[in-house]
Amino acid sequence: MKQISVIEARVWLEGGLPPVTLLDVREDWEYKIAHLPGSILISMGQISSRSGELPRDQAIIVMCHHGRRSETVAIQLEQIGFNNIYNLNGGINAWSRQVDAAIPTY
């Protein structure tokens, strides 16, 4: 698992090449407060049962509130065979503070 800053992730997501999936592993109520457009919500507790919904042929940036849950999920994904996994350092909180202040903090 690799780490990625919110600035690096923004550049990647805006550029679109190579394709990347943004996986949000927070709970539904957190996602309703603040999320990034185009992200896929699969809560941390559902990763084992729903990992088949994730593409294996592209990179996945895993995010949560501050980066701890996403790091755990990134490790889990690697353990089940996903190869190109990134943990978003600082999570949605860092995104709001460093990239887009319109994203609410909580």
Protein backbone atom coordinates (compact mmCIF):
# COMPACT_ATOMS: atom_id res chain seq x y z
CA MET A 1 0.00 0.00 0.00
CA LYS A 2 1.21 3.43 -0.90
CA GLN A 3 0.35 6.74 0.73
CA ILE A 4 -0.93 9.67 -1.32
CA SER A 5 -1.46 13.29 -0.29
CA VAL A 6 -4.69 15.12 -1.01
CA ILE A 7 -2.84 17.39 -3.43
CA GLU A 8 -1.41 14.43 -5.37
CA ALA A 9 -4.85 12.75 -5.37
CA ARG A 10 -6.55 15.91 -6.66
CA VAL A 11 -4.09 16.15 -9.56
CA TRP A 12 -4.63 12.47 -10.37
CA LEU A 13 -8.41 12.66 -10.17
CA GLU A 14 -8.56 15.82 -12.28
CA GLY A 15 -6.21 14.37 -14.90
CA GLY A 16 -7.97 11.03 -15.09
CA LEU A 17 -4.94 9.15 -16.41
CA PRO A 18 -4.38 6.46 -15.52
CA PRO A 19 -7.93 5.73 -14.36
CA VAL A 20 -8.43 5.59 -10.61
CA THR A 21 -11.29 4.58 -8.33
CA LEU A 22 -11.96 6.65 -5.21
CA LEU A 23 -13.23 4.36 -2.44
CA ASP A 24 -14.80 5.97 0.63
CA VAL A 25 -14.90 3.57 3.60
CA ARG A 26 -16.75 5.78 6.07
CA GLU A 27 -20.27 5.18 7.33
CA ASP A 28 -23.34 6.31 5.38
CA TRP A 29 -24.09 9.15 7.80
CA GLU A 30 -20.55 10.52 7.36
CA TYR A 31 -20.79 10.27 3.58
CA LYS A 32 -24.04 12.25 3.67
CA ILE A 33 -22.28 15.10 5.50
CA ALA A 34 -19.32 15.30 3.15
CA HIS A 35 -18.02 13.28 0.21
CA LEU A 36 -16.10 13.68 -3.00
CA PRO A 37 -18.08 13.48 -6.24
CA GLY A 38 -17.62 10.18 -8.01
CA SER A 39 -16.50 8.31 -4.93
CA ILE A 40 -17.82 4.83 -4.18
CA LEU A 41 -19.12 4.26 -0.66
CA ILE A 42 -18.39 0.86 0.86
CA SER A 43 -18.10 1.15 4.63
CA MET A 44 -15.15 -0.46 6.36
CA GLY A 45 -17.38 -3.20 7.78
CA GLN A 46 -18.63 -4.17 4.32
CA ILE A 47 -15.29 -4.46 2.53
CA SER A 48 -15.01 -8.24 2.90
CA SER A 49 -18.45 -8.89 1.45
CA ARG A 50 -18.40 -6.18 -1.24
CA SER A 51 -14.79 -6.18 -2.50
CA GLY A 52 -16.00 -7.87 -5.68
CA GLU A 53 -17.58 -4.54 -6.67
CA LEU A 54 -14.14 -2.95 -6.96
CA PRO A 55 -12.10 -2.93 -10.16
CA ARG A 56 -8.91 -4.95 -10.10
CA ASP A 57 -7.56 -3.39 -13.28
CA GLN A 58 -7.04 0.16 -11.96
CA ALA A 59 -5.64 1.99 -8.98
CA ILE A 60 -7.84 2.54 -5.93
CA ILE A 61 -7.47 5.49 -3.57
CA VAL A 62 -9.02 4.57 -0.22
CA MET A 63 -10.27 7.40 1.98
CA CYS A 64 -12.04 7.97 5.29
CA HIS A 65 -12.32 10.85 7.76
CA HIS A 66 -8.67 11.19 8.80
CA GLY A 67 -6.87 8.27 7.10
CA ARG A 68 -6.80 5.58 9.78
CA ARG A 69 -9.72 3.42 8.69
CA SER A 70 -8.71 3.77 5.07
CA GLU A 71 -5.21 2.57 5.88
CA THR A 72 -6.66 -0.54 7.53
CA VAL A 73 -8.92 -1.18 4.53
CA ALA A 74 -6.04 -0.63 2.10
CA ILE A 75 -4.06 -3.32 3.90
CA GLN A 76 -7.09 -5.66 3.79
CA LEU A 77 -7.48 -5.10 0.06
CA GLU A 78 -3.84 -5.92 -0.55
CA GLN A 79 -4.20 -9.08 1.52
CA ILE A 80 -6.99 -10.29 -0.77
CA GLY A 81 -5.07 -9.61 -3.95
CA PHE A 82 -5.57 -5.98 -4.93
CA ASN A 83 -2.27 -4.59 -6.19
CA ASN A 84 -2.50 -0.86 -6.80
CA ILE A 85 -3.85 0.60 -3.55
CA TYR A 86 -3.26 4.07 -2.12
CA ASN A 87 -4.26 5.45 1.28
CA LEU A 88 -5.39 9.10 1.23
CA ASN A 89 -3.36 10.80 3.96
CA GLY A 90 -5.59 12.93 6.17
CA GLY A 91 -8.83 11.75 4.55
CA ILE A 92 -11.77 14.00 3.74
CA ASN A 93 -10.75 16.31 6.57
CA ALA A 94 -7.43 17.10 4.86
CA TRP A 95 -9.21 17.40 1.50
CA SER A 96 -11.53 20.03 2.93
CA ARG A 97 -8.69 21.96 4.57
CA GLN A 98 -6.15 21.77 1.72
CA VAL A 99 -8.07 21.29 -1.53
CA ASP A 100 -11.73 22.33 -1.34
CA ALA A 101 -13.08 24.32 1.61
CA ALA A 102 -16.62 23.85 0.23
CA ILE A 103 -16.47 20.25 1.50
CA PRO A 104 -17.83 20.41 5.06
CA THR A 105 -15.73 19.31 8.01
CA TYR A 106 -17.16 17.44 10.96
